[in-house]
């Protein structure tokens, strides 16, 4: 059975998270001042480690990170964050 789970992202270039295998990122938005990632997943599946990257507009992105899956761009006051699944 599929379920939507929410994970808090840090505003940092790279981070790793444990989530059910096959989890599909849906969107990223700000909620209560925190960057949140929503994924569609089967909570009964074994856990996998996933890597995500958060970049501000104008910050460099390595070629290997750009090859990742773009998820969303999020406005946070005067900052814009761009989130990728690597």
Protein backbone atom coordinates (compact mmCIF):
# COMPACT_ATOMS: atom_id res chain seq x y z
CA UNK A 1 0.00 0.00 0.00
CA UNK A 2 1.36 3.42 -0.97
CA UNK A 3 1.55 6.23 1.57
CA UNK A 4 2.81 9.82 1.43
CA UNK A 5 5.58 10.52 3.96
CA UNK A 6 7.20 13.84 4.83
CA UNK A 7 10.91 14.38 5.55
CA UNK A 8 12.63 17.55 6.76
CA UNK A 9 15.54 18.66 4.58
CA UNK A 10 18.49 20.67 5.83
CA UNK A 11 19.58 23.60 3.70
CA UNK A 12 22.94 22.13 2.78
CA UNK A 13 24.60 20.97 -0.44
CA UNK A 14 24.25 17.22 0.27
CA UNK A 15 22.47 15.07 2.79
CA UNK A 16 21.52 11.43 3.12
CA UNK A 17 18.21 10.06 4.35
CA UNK A 18 16.82 6.61 5.00
CA UNK A 19 13.45 5.96 3.37
CA UNK A 20 11.55 2.99 1.94
CA UNK A 21 13.04 1.51 -1.24
CA UNK A 22 11.43 2.93 -4.38
CA UNK A 23 10.21 6.12 -2.66
CA UNK A 24 9.19 8.67 -5.30
CA UNK A 25 9.83 12.35 -4.48
CA UNK A 26 6.68 14.38 -5.12
CA UNK A 27 7.48 17.94 -4.10
CA UNK A 28 9.42 20.16 -1.71
CA UNK A 29 7.87 23.15 0.07
CA UNK A 30 8.41 25.32 3.12
CA UNK A 31 6.23 24.41 6.10
CA UNK A 32 6.51 26.24 9.42
CA UNK A 33 9.89 27.68 8.40
CA UNK A 34 11.40 24.30 7.47
CA UNK A 35 12.16 22.78 4.08
CA UNK A 36 9.98 19.66 3.69
CA UNK A 37 10.15 16.81 1.16
CA UNK A 38 7.07 14.67 0.45
CA UNK A 39 7.52 11.20 -1.07
CA UNK A 40 5.13 8.50 -2.24
CA UNK A 41 6.30 5.18 -0.84
CA UNK A 42 5.41 1.74 0.42
CA UNK A 43 6.31 1.86 4.15
CA UNK A 44 6.51 -1.95 4.23
CA UNK A 45 9.53 -2.04 1.91
CA UNK A 46 13.09 -2.23 3.21
CA UNK A 47 14.89 1.06 3.79
CA UNK A 48 17.37 2.57 1.31
CA UNK A 49 19.75 5.46 1.73
CA UNK A 50 18.94 8.37 -0.62
CA UNK A 51 21.07 11.45 -1.24
CA UNK A 52 19.55 14.89 -1.82
CA UNK A 53 21.12 18.23 -2.66
CA UNK A 54 19.81 21.73 -1.93
CA UNK A 55 21.34 24.65 -3.84
CA UNK A 56 20.65 28.34 -3.64
CA UNK A 57 20.25 30.38 -6.81
CA UNK A 58 23.69 31.42 -8.07
CA UNK A 59 25.57 28.67 -6.18
CA UNK A 60 27.74 26.30 -8.23
CA UNK A 61 26.42 22.80 -8.99
CA UNK A 62 28.85 20.06 -9.99
CA UNK A 63 28.19 18.16 -13.21
CA UNK A 64 27.57 14.95 -11.26
CA UNK A 65 24.87 16.61 -9.12
CA UNK A 66 23.15 18.17 -12.13
CA UNK A 67 22.66 14.65 -13.47
CA UNK A 68 20.34 14.03 -10.52
CA UNK A 69 16.57 14.26 -10.62
CA UNK A 70 15.22 17.80 -10.19
CA UNK A 71 12.40 17.83 -7.62
CA UNK A 72 11.40 21.46 -6.99
CA UNK A 73 12.40 25.06 -6.40
CA UNK A 74 11.21 26.67 -3.18
CA UNK A 75 10.96 30.35 -2.24
CA UNK A 76 12.09 31.14 1.31
CA UNK A 77 11.87 34.88 1.83
CA UNK A 78 14.60 36.38 -0.36
CA UNK A 79 16.20 32.95 -0.96
CA UNK A 80 15.30 30.38 -3.62
CA UNK A 81 16.33 26.75 -2.98
CA UNK A 82 16.57 24.15 -5.77
CA UNK A 83 16.30 20.50 -4.67
CA UNK A 84 17.71 17.46 -6.51
CA UNK A 85 17.63 13.73 -5.75
CA UNK A 86 21.11 12.38 -6.51
